[in-house]
Amino acid sequence: MALTAGTTAPAISAPTQGDGTWRLKDAKGQWVVLYFYPKDDTSGCTAEACDFRDSMKRLKKLQVQVVGVSPDSTKSHDKFASKYDLTFPLLSDEDKTICQAYDVWKQKSMYGRTYMGVERTTYLINPKGKIAHVWEKVKVKGHVDEVLATLADLGA
């Protein structure tokens, strides 16, 4: 089932880099940018993560928490976060339960081959735990600016 604006965001509790755990319920009262990406340390995923990293001052000023999610292991997230100085949580969803709950685990195709993978998607969750906006099939270039513009439009 596709999640749309106004729907309650599915509950999340998952391991992060640095042996942490992140829970959506702990972010109540804050805006959350929950972005799903296919794989650590690939060109598009690195560019997206670094764009969020470089915009953290503006996002924190708006009391926005950024959280990345991929099927990679916490060990992979540790290396990725360390290599690019990422200071926000990266959730490990190795069993794809979060990806499935947020309807981003999709059939994809490349070079005539079909496979299952993460469709790059971002959810903006409001301080009450409701989905405020969804970006599907995200194009990395300019995405963080779109998120910031939407936050401004929503009065964050």
N, C-alpha and C. Protein backbone atom coordinates (compact mmCIF):
# COMPACT_ATOMS: atom_id res chain seq x y z
N MET A 1 0.84 -1.18 0.00
CA MET A 1 0.00 0.00 0.00
C MET A 1 0.88 1.25 0.00
N ALA A 2 0.62 2.13 -0.91
CA ALA A 2 1.38 3.37 -0.97
C ALA A 2 0.99 4.28 0.19
N LEU A 3 1.98 4.89 0.78
CA LEU A 3 1.75 5.84 1.87
C LEU A 3 1.64 7.24 1.28
N THR A 4 0.66 7.99 1.74
CA THR A 4 0.44 9.33 1.21
C THR A 4 0.39 10.34 2.35
N ALA A 5 0.41 11.61 1.97
CA ALA A 5 0.33 12.68 2.96
C ALA A 5 -0.94 12.50 3.79
N GLY A 6 -0.78 12.68 5.10
CA GLY A 6 -1.89 12.54 6.03
C GLY A 6 -1.96 11.19 6.72
N THR A 7 -1.24 10.19 6.17
CA THR A 7 -1.21 8.86 6.77
C THR A 7 -0.24 8.85 7.95
N THR A 8 -0.55 8.04 8.94
CA THR A 8 0.39 7.86 10.05
C THR A 8 1.61 7.10 9.54
N ALA A 9 2.80 7.60 9.85
CA ALA A 9 4.03 6.95 9.42
C ALA A 9 4.19 5.62 10.17
N PRO A 10 4.52 4.54 9.45
CA PRO A 10 4.75 3.26 10.13
C PRO A 10 5.86 3.38 11.17
N ALA A 11 5.67 2.68 12.28
CA ALA A 11 6.66 2.68 13.37
C ALA A 11 7.98 2.10 12.87
N ILE A 12 9.06 2.64 13.39
CA ILE A 12 10.40 2.17 13.03
C ILE A 12 11.24 2.04 14.29
N SER A 13 11.99 0.95 14.34
CA SER A 13 13.06 0.79 15.33
C SER A 13 14.11 -0.04 14.63
N ALA A 14 15.30 0.52 14.47
CA ALA A 14 16.33 -0.18 13.71
C ALA A 14 17.72 0.18 14.20
N PRO A 15 18.67 -0.73 13.97
CA PRO A 15 20.06 -0.44 14.33
C PRO A 15 20.67 0.59 13.38
N THR A 16 21.59 1.37 13.92
CA THR A 16 22.28 2.40 13.14
C THR A 16 23.79 2.17 13.22
N GLN A 17 24.51 2.99 12.47
CA GLN A 17 25.96 2.96 12.58
C GLN A 17 26.34 3.31 14.01
N GLY A 18 27.51 2.87 14.42
CA GLY A 18 27.99 3.17 15.76
C GLY A 18 27.24 2.44 16.86
N ASP A 19 26.66 1.29 16.54
CA ASP A 19 25.95 0.45 17.52
C ASP A 19 24.76 1.15 18.17
N GLY A 20 24.16 2.09 17.47
CA GLY A 20 22.99 2.77 18.01
C GLY A 20 21.70 2.11 17.57
N THR A 21 20.61 2.65 18.06
CA THR A 21 19.27 2.25 17.63
C THR A 21 18.47 3.53 17.47
N TRP A 22 17.69 3.60 16.41
CA TRP A 22 16.86 4.78 16.18
C TRP A 22 15.41 4.34 16.12
N ARG A 23 14.54 5.10 16.81
CA ARG A 23 13.10 4.82 16.83
C ARG A 23 12.36 6.07 16.41
N LEU A 24 11.38 5.90 15.53
CA LEU A 24 10.59 7.04 15.09
C LEU A 24 9.86 7.67 16.26
N LYS A 25 9.36 6.86 17.19
CA LYS A 25 8.61 7.41 18.32
C LYS A 25 9.45 8.37 19.16
N ASP A 26 10.77 8.19 19.16
CA ASP A 26 11.65 9.08 19.92
C ASP A 26 11.80 10.46 19.25
N ALA A 27 11.37 10.57 18.00
CA ALA A 27 11.48 11.84 17.27
C ALA A 27 10.18 12.63 17.30
N LYS A 28 9.20 12.16 18.06
CA LYS A 28 7.93 12.89 18.13
C LYS A 28 8.19 14.32 18.59
N GLY A 29 7.51 15.25 17.96
CA GLY A 29 7.73 16.66 18.27
C GLY A 29 8.71 17.32 17.31
N GLN A 30 9.33 16.52 16.43
CA GLN A 30 10.28 17.05 15.44
C GLN A 30 9.82 16.64 14.05
N TRP A 31 10.25 17.40 13.07
CA TRP A 31 10.10 16.98 11.69
C TRP A 31 11.18 15.94 11.41
N VAL A 32 10.85 14.94 10.61
CA VAL A 32 11.82 13.90 10.24
C VAL A 32 11.85 13.79 8.72
N VAL A 33 13.05 13.87 8.16
CA VAL A 33 13.27 13.56 6.75
C VAL A 33 13.81 12.14 6.73
N LEU A 34 12.96 11.22 6.29
CA LEU A 34 13.31 9.80 6.22
C LEU A 34 13.57 9.47 4.76
N TYR A 35 14.86 9.29 4.43
CA TYR A 35 15.15 9.05 3.02
C TYR A 35 15.70 7.65 2.82
N PHE A 36 15.18 6.98 1.82
CA PHE A 36 15.56 5.61 1.48
C PHE A 36 16.49 5.67 0.27
N TYR A 37 17.59 4.94 0.37
CA TYR A 37 18.56 4.92 -0.72
C TYR A 37 19.05 3.49 -0.94
N PRO A 38 19.46 3.16 -2.17
CA PRO A 38 19.80 1.77 -2.49
C PRO A 38 21.04 1.20 -1.81
N LYS A 39 22.17 1.93 -1.81
CA LYS A 39 23.42 1.29 -1.37
C LYS A 39 24.46 2.31 -0.92
N ASP A 40 25.09 1.99 0.20
CA ASP A 40 26.19 2.82 0.70
C ASP A 40 27.30 2.93 -0.34
N ASP A 41 27.94 4.10 -0.35
CA ASP A 41 29.17 4.33 -1.10
C ASP A 41 29.04 4.13 -2.61
N THR A 42 27.86 4.37 -3.16
CA THR A 42 27.69 4.40 -4.61
C THR A 42 27.52 5.87 -5.00
N SER A 43 27.68 6.20 -6.25
CA SER A 43 27.75 7.62 -6.63
C SER A 43 26.50 8.42 -6.25
N GLY A 44 25.31 7.95 -6.63
CA GLY A 44 24.09 8.70 -6.33
C GLY A 44 23.81 8.76 -4.84
N CYS A 45 24.01 7.65 -4.16
CA CYS A 45 23.73 7.58 -2.73
C CYS A 45 24.71 8.45 -1.94
N THR A 46 25.95 8.47 -2.38
CA THR A 46 26.95 9.32 -1.72
C THR A 46 26.61 10.79 -1.93
N ALA A 47 26.25 11.16 -3.15
CA ALA A 47 25.89 12.56 -3.44
C ALA A 47 24.70 12.99 -2.59
N GLU A 48 23.69 12.13 -2.48
CA GLU A 48 22.50 12.47 -1.69
C GLU A 48 22.86 12.64 -0.21
N ALA A 49 23.61 11.69 0.34
CA ALA A 49 24.00 11.77 1.75
C ALA A 49 24.83 13.02 2.02
N CYS A 50 25.76 13.34 1.13
CA CYS A 50 26.61 14.51 1.32
C CYS A 50 25.80 15.81 1.18
N ASP A 51 24.79 15.82 0.31
CA ASP A 51 23.93 17.00 0.21
C ASP A 51 23.17 17.22 1.53
N PHE A 52 22.65 16.14 2.11
CA PHE A 52 21.99 16.28 3.41
C PHE A 52 22.99 16.73 4.47
N ARG A 53 24.18 16.13 4.48
CA ARG A 53 25.23 16.53 5.44
C ARG A 53 25.55 18.02 5.32
N ASP A 54 25.70 18.50 4.09
CA ASP A 54 26.07 19.89 3.85
C ASP A 54 24.94 20.87 4.18
N SER A 55 23.73 20.36 4.34
CA SER A 55 22.57 21.21 4.65
C SER A 55 22.12 21.07 6.11
N MET A 56 22.89 20.37 6.91
CA MET A 56 22.47 20.07 8.29
C MET A 56 22.24 21.33 9.13
N LYS A 57 23.03 22.36 8.95
CA LYS A 57 22.82 23.58 9.74
C LYS A 57 21.43 24.15 9.49
N ARG A 58 21.05 24.25 8.22
CA ARG A 58 19.72 24.78 7.88
C ARG A 58 18.62 23.85 8.39
N LEU A 59 18.82 22.55 8.27
CA LEU A 59 17.81 21.58 8.71
C LEU A 59 17.66 21.59 10.23
N LYS A 60 18.78 21.64 10.94
CA LYS A 60 18.72 21.65 12.41
C LYS A 60 18.06 22.92 12.93
N LYS A 61 18.27 24.02 12.22
CA LYS A 61 17.64 25.29 12.60
C LYS A 61 16.12 25.15 12.58
N LEU A 62 15.63 24.32 11.67
CA LEU A 62 14.19 24.07 11.54
C LEU A 62 13.73 22.90 12.42
N GLN A 63 14.63 22.41 13.26
CA GLN A 63 14.37 21.25 14.13
C GLN A 63 13.95 20.02 13.33
N VAL A 64 14.71 19.76 12.27
CA VAL A 64 14.47 18.62 11.40
C VAL A 64 15.55 17.58 11.65
N GLN A 65 15.13 16.34 11.81
CA GLN A 65 16.06 15.24 11.95
C GLN A 65 16.12 14.49 10.63
N VAL A 66 17.32 14.26 10.12
CA VAL A 66 17.51 13.51 8.88
C VAL A 66 17.91 12.08 9.24
N VAL A 67 17.28 11.12 8.56
CA VAL A 67 17.56 9.71 8.80
C VAL A 67 17.60 9.00 7.45
N GLY A 68 18.69 8.30 7.18
CA GLY A 68 18.81 7.51 5.95
C GLY A 68 18.51 6.05 6.23
N VAL A 69 17.95 5.35 5.25
CA VAL A 69 17.64 3.93 5.39
C VAL A 69 18.08 3.19 4.13
N SER A 70 18.80 2.10 4.32
CA SER A 70 19.14 1.21 3.21
C SER A 70 19.25 -0.22 3.75
N PRO A 71 19.26 -1.20 2.85
CA PRO A 71 19.41 -2.59 3.30
C PRO A 71 20.83 -2.97 3.72
N ASP A 72 21.75 -2.02 3.68
CA ASP A 72 23.14 -2.32 4.05
C ASP A 72 23.26 -2.62 5.55
N SER A 73 24.32 -3.30 5.90
CA SER A 73 24.59 -3.66 7.30
C SER A 73 25.08 -2.44 8.09
N THR A 74 25.04 -2.55 9.41
CA THR A 74 25.56 -1.46 10.24
C THR A 74 27.07 -1.30 10.01
N LYS A 75 27.75 -2.39 9.73
CA LYS A 75 29.19 -2.32 9.46
C LYS A 75 29.45 -1.48 8.20
N SER A 76 28.63 -1.70 7.17
CA SER A 76 28.74 -0.90 5.94
C SER A 76 28.43 0.57 6.24
N HIS A 77 27.37 0.80 7.05
CA HIS A 77 27.01 2.17 7.43
C HIS A 77 28.14 2.84 8.22
N ASP A 78 28.81 2.08 9.10
CA ASP A 78 29.93 2.64 9.86
C ASP A 78 31.00 3.19 8.92
N LYS A 79 31.37 2.40 7.91
CA LYS A 79 32.40 2.82 6.96
C LYS A 79 31.93 4.02 6.14
N PHE A 80 30.70 3.96 5.67
CA PHE A 80 30.13 5.03 4.83
C PHE A 80 30.06 6.34 5.61
N ALA A 81 29.53 6.28 6.83
CA ALA A 81 29.40 7.49 7.66
C ALA A 81 30.76 8.07 8.00
N SER A 82 31.72 7.21 8.31
CA SER A 82 33.05 7.66 8.66
C SER A 82 33.76 8.29 7.44
N LYS A 83 33.65 7.64 6.31
CA LYS A 83 34.32 8.12 5.10
C LYS A 83 33.83 9.50 4.67
N TYR A 84 32.53 9.77 4.85
CA TYR A 84 31.94 11.02 4.38
C TYR A 84 31.50 11.95 5.51
N ASP A 85 31.90 11.65 6.74
CA ASP A 85 31.59 12.49 7.90
C ASP A 85 30.08 12.75 8.01
N LEU A 86 29.30 11.67 7.92
CA LEU A 86 27.85 11.77 8.04
C LEU A 86 27.48 11.72 9.51
N THR A 87 26.75 12.74 9.96
CA THR A 87 26.46 12.86 11.40
C THR A 87 25.03 12.49 11.75
N PHE A 88 24.25 12.06 10.78
CA PHE A 88 22.87 11.66 11.04
C PHE A 88 22.76 10.14 10.99
N PRO A 89 21.71 9.57 11.60
CA PRO A 89 21.57 8.12 11.64
C PRO A 89 21.34 7.50 10.26
N LEU A 90 21.99 6.38 10.04
CA LEU A 90 21.76 5.54 8.87
C LEU A 90 21.21 4.22 9.40
N LEU A 91 19.96 3.91 9.07
CA LEU A 91 19.33 2.71 9.58
C LEU A 91 19.65 1.52 8.70
N SER A 92 19.97 0.42 9.36
CA SER A 92 20.22 -0.83 8.65
C SER A 92 18.93 -1.63 8.58
N ASP A 93 18.49 -1.92 7.37
CA ASP A 93 17.24 -2.65 7.14
C ASP A 93 17.55 -3.90 6.31
N GLU A 94 18.41 -4.75 6.85
CA GLU A 94 18.87 -5.92 6.11
C GLU A 94 17.73 -6.87 5.74
N ASP A 95 16.70 -6.94 6.58
CA ASP A 95 15.58 -7.84 6.25
C ASP A 95 14.49 -7.13 5.45
N LYS A 96 14.70 -5.87 5.12
CA LYS A 96 13.82 -5.05 4.28
C LYS A 96 12.43 -4.81 4.86
N THR A 97 12.23 -4.99 6.16
CA THR A 97 10.90 -4.78 6.73
C THR A 97 10.50 -3.30 6.70
N ILE A 98 11.45 -2.41 6.93
CA ILE A 98 11.15 -0.98 6.89
C ILE A 98 10.90 -0.57 5.43
N CYS A 99 11.74 -1.04 4.52
CA CYS A 99 11.56 -0.73 3.10
C CYS A 99 10.19 -1.21 2.61
N GLN A 100 9.77 -2.36 3.07
CA GLN A 100 8.46 -2.88 2.66
C GLN A 100 7.33 -2.08 3.31
N ALA A 101 7.49 -1.72 4.58
CA ALA A 101 6.46 -0.94 5.28
C ALA A 101 6.25 0.42 4.61
N TYR A 102 7.33 0.99 4.08
CA TYR A 102 7.25 2.30 3.43
C TYR A 102 7.12 2.17 1.90
N ASP A 103 6.91 0.95 1.43
CA ASP A 103 6.63 0.67 0.02
C ASP A 103 7.72 1.19 -0.92
N VAL A 104 8.98 0.96 -0.56
CA VAL A 104 10.08 1.38 -1.42
C VAL A 104 10.86 0.18 -1.96
N TRP A 105 10.53 -1.03 -1.51
CA TRP A 105 11.18 -2.25 -2.00
C TRP A 105 10.42 -2.67 -3.26
N LYS A 106 11.03 -2.42 -4.41
CA LYS A 106 10.31 -2.54 -5.69
C LYS A 106 11.09 -3.38 -6.69
N GLN A 107 10.36 -3.86 -7.68
CA GLN A 107 11.02 -4.52 -8.80
C GLN A 107 11.61 -3.43 -9.68
N LYS A 108 12.88 -3.59 -10.01
CA LYS A 108 13.59 -2.62 -10.83
C LYS A 108 14.19 -3.35 -12.02
N SER A 109 14.64 -2.60 -12.99
CA SER A 109 15.33 -3.25 -14.11
C SER A 109 16.48 -2.38 -14.58
N MET A 110 17.55 -3.07 -14.98
CA MET A 110 18.72 -2.38 -15.51
C MET A 110 19.37 -3.31 -16.53
N TYR A 111 19.62 -2.75 -17.69
CA TYR A 111 20.25 -3.51 -18.78
C TYR A 111 19.47 -4.80 -19.08
N GLY A 112 18.15 -4.71 -19.03
CA GLY A 112 17.31 -5.85 -19.37
C GLY A 112 17.15 -6.88 -18.26
N ARG A 113 17.77 -6.65 -17.13
CA ARG A 113 17.69 -7.58 -16.00
C ARG A 113 16.76 -7.00 -14.95
N THR A 114 15.85 -7.82 -14.43
CA THR A 114 14.97 -7.34 -13.36
C THR A 114 15.45 -7.88 -12.03
N TYR A 115 15.27 -7.09 -11.01
CA TYR A 115 15.70 -7.45 -9.66
C TYR A 115 14.92 -6.61 -8.66
N MET A 116 14.96 -7.00 -7.40
CA MET A 116 14.32 -6.23 -6.34
C MET A 116 15.35 -5.28 -5.73
N GLY A 117 14.90 -4.06 -5.44
CA GLY A 117 15.79 -3.08 -4.84
C GLY A 117 15.03 -1.90 -4.28
N VAL A 118 15.76 -1.00 -3.66
CA VAL A 118 15.17 0.21 -3.07
C VAL A 118 14.94 1.25 -4.15
N GLU A 119 13.71 1.75 -4.22
CA GLU A 119 13.41 2.89 -5.09
C GLU A 119 13.67 4.15 -4.26
N ARG A 120 14.59 4.97 -4.72
CA ARG A 120 14.99 6.16 -3.97
C ARG A 120 13.76 7.02 -3.68
N THR A 121 13.42 7.14 -2.40
CA THR A 121 12.19 7.81 -1.96
C THR A 121 12.49 8.56 -0.67
N THR A 122 11.84 9.70 -0.49
CA THR A 122 11.97 10.46 0.76
C THR A 122 10.59 10.75 1.33
N TYR A 123 10.46 10.54 2.62
CA TYR A 123 9.24 10.87 3.35
C TYR A 123 9.54 11.99 4.32
N LEU A 124 8.67 12.98 4.33
CA LEU A 124 8.74 14.04 5.33
C LEU A 124 7.64 13.74 6.34
N ILE A 125 8.04 13.55 7.58
CA ILE A 125 7.11 13.19 8.65
C ILE A 125 6.99 14.37 9.60
N ASN A 126 5.75 14.77 9.88
CA ASN A 126 5.55 15.95 10.73
C ASN A 126 5.74 15.61 12.21
N PRO A 127 5.77 16.63 13.08
CA PRO A 127 6.03 16.39 14.50
C PRO A 127 5.00 15.49 15.20
N LYS A 128 3.84 15.28 14.58
CA LYS A 128 2.82 14.41 15.16
C LYS A 128 2.88 12.98 14.63
N GLY A 129 3.89 12.70 13.78
CA GLY A 129 4.06 11.35 13.27
C GLY A 129 3.27 11.03 12.01
N LYS A 130 2.74 12.07 11.36
CA LYS A 130 1.99 11.89 10.12
C LYS A 130 2.89 12.23 8.93
N ILE A 131 2.68 11.54 7.84
CA ILE A 131 3.43 11.84 6.62
C ILE A 131 2.91 13.16 6.06
N ALA A 132 3.83 14.10 5.86
CA ALA A 132 3.47 15.43 5.36
C ALA A 132 3.72 15.55 3.85
N HIS A 133 4.71 14.81 3.35
CA HIS A 133 5.04 14.88 1.93
C HIS A 133 5.84 13.63 1.55
N VAL A 134 5.68 13.21 0.27
CA VAL A 134 6.42 12.06 -0.24
C VAL A 134 7.05 12.44 -1.58
N TRP A 135 8.33 12.15 -1.72
CA TRP A 135 9.03 12.29 -2.99
C TRP A 135 9.37 10.88 -3.47
N GLU A 136 8.81 10.47 -4.59
CA GLU A 136 9.10 9.15 -5.15
C GLU A 136 10.08 9.29 -6.30
N LYS A 137 10.82 8.22 -6.56
CA LYS A 137 11.79 8.19 -7.66
C LYS A 137 12.64 9.46 -7.65
N VAL A 138 13.22 9.73 -6.52
CA VAL A 138 13.99 10.96 -6.28
C VAL A 138 15.17 11.08 -7.24
N LYS A 139 15.30 12.27 -7.80
CA LYS A 139 16.51 12.65 -8.54
C LYS A 139 17.38 13.39 -7.53
N VAL A 140 18.61 12.94 -7.37
CA VAL A 140 19.47 13.46 -6.31
C VAL A 140 19.75 14.95 -6.44
N LYS A 141 20.09 15.40 -7.64
CA LYS A 141 20.47 16.81 -7.83
C LYS A 141 19.28 17.71 -7.49
N GLY A 142 19.46 18.60 -6.53
CA GLY A 142 18.44 19.55 -6.14
C GLY A 142 17.40 19.02 -5.16
N HIS A 143 17.52 17.75 -4.76
CA HIS A 143 16.50 17.16 -3.89
C HIS A 143 16.46 17.83 -2.51
N VAL A 144 17.60 18.06 -1.91
CA VAL A 144 17.62 18.67 -0.58
C VAL A 144 16.98 20.06 -0.62
N ASP A 145 17.21 20.80 -1.69
CA ASP A 145 16.57 22.11 -1.83
C ASP A 145 15.05 21.97 -1.91
N GLU A 146 14.56 20.93 -2.60
CA GLU A 146 13.12 20.67 -2.65
C GLU A 146 12.56 20.39 -1.25
N VAL A 147 13.31 19.59 -0.49
CA VAL A 147 12.89 19.27 0.87
C VAL A 147 12.82 20.54 1.71
N LEU A 148 13.84 21.38 1.63
CA LEU A 148 13.86 22.63 2.40
C LEU A 148 12.73 23.56 1.98
N ALA A 149 12.45 23.64 0.68
CA ALA A 149 11.35 24.49 0.19
C ALA A 149 10.00 23.98 0.72
N THR A 150 9.82 22.66 0.73
CA THR A 150 8.57 22.09 1.23
C THR A 150 8.42 22.34 2.73
N LEU A 151 9.50 22.20 3.47
CA LEU A 151 9.48 22.50 4.90
C LEU A 151 9.05 23.96 5.13
N ALA A 152 9.59 24.86 4.33
CA ALA A 152 9.22 26.28 4.45
C ALA A 152 7.74 26.47 4.13
N ASP A 153 7.26 25.81 3.07
CA ASP A 153 5.85 25.92 2.69
C ASP A 153 4.92 25.40 3.79
N LEU A 154 5.39 24.38 4.53
CA LEU A 154 4.59 23.78 5.59
C LEU A 154 4.74 24.50 6.92
N GLY A 155 5.55 25.54 6.94
CA GLY A 155 5.72 26.35 8.15
C GLY A 155 6.64 25.75 9.19
N ALA A 156 7.55 24.92 8.76
CA ALA A 156 8.51 24.32 9.70
C ALA A 156 9.49 25.35 10.21
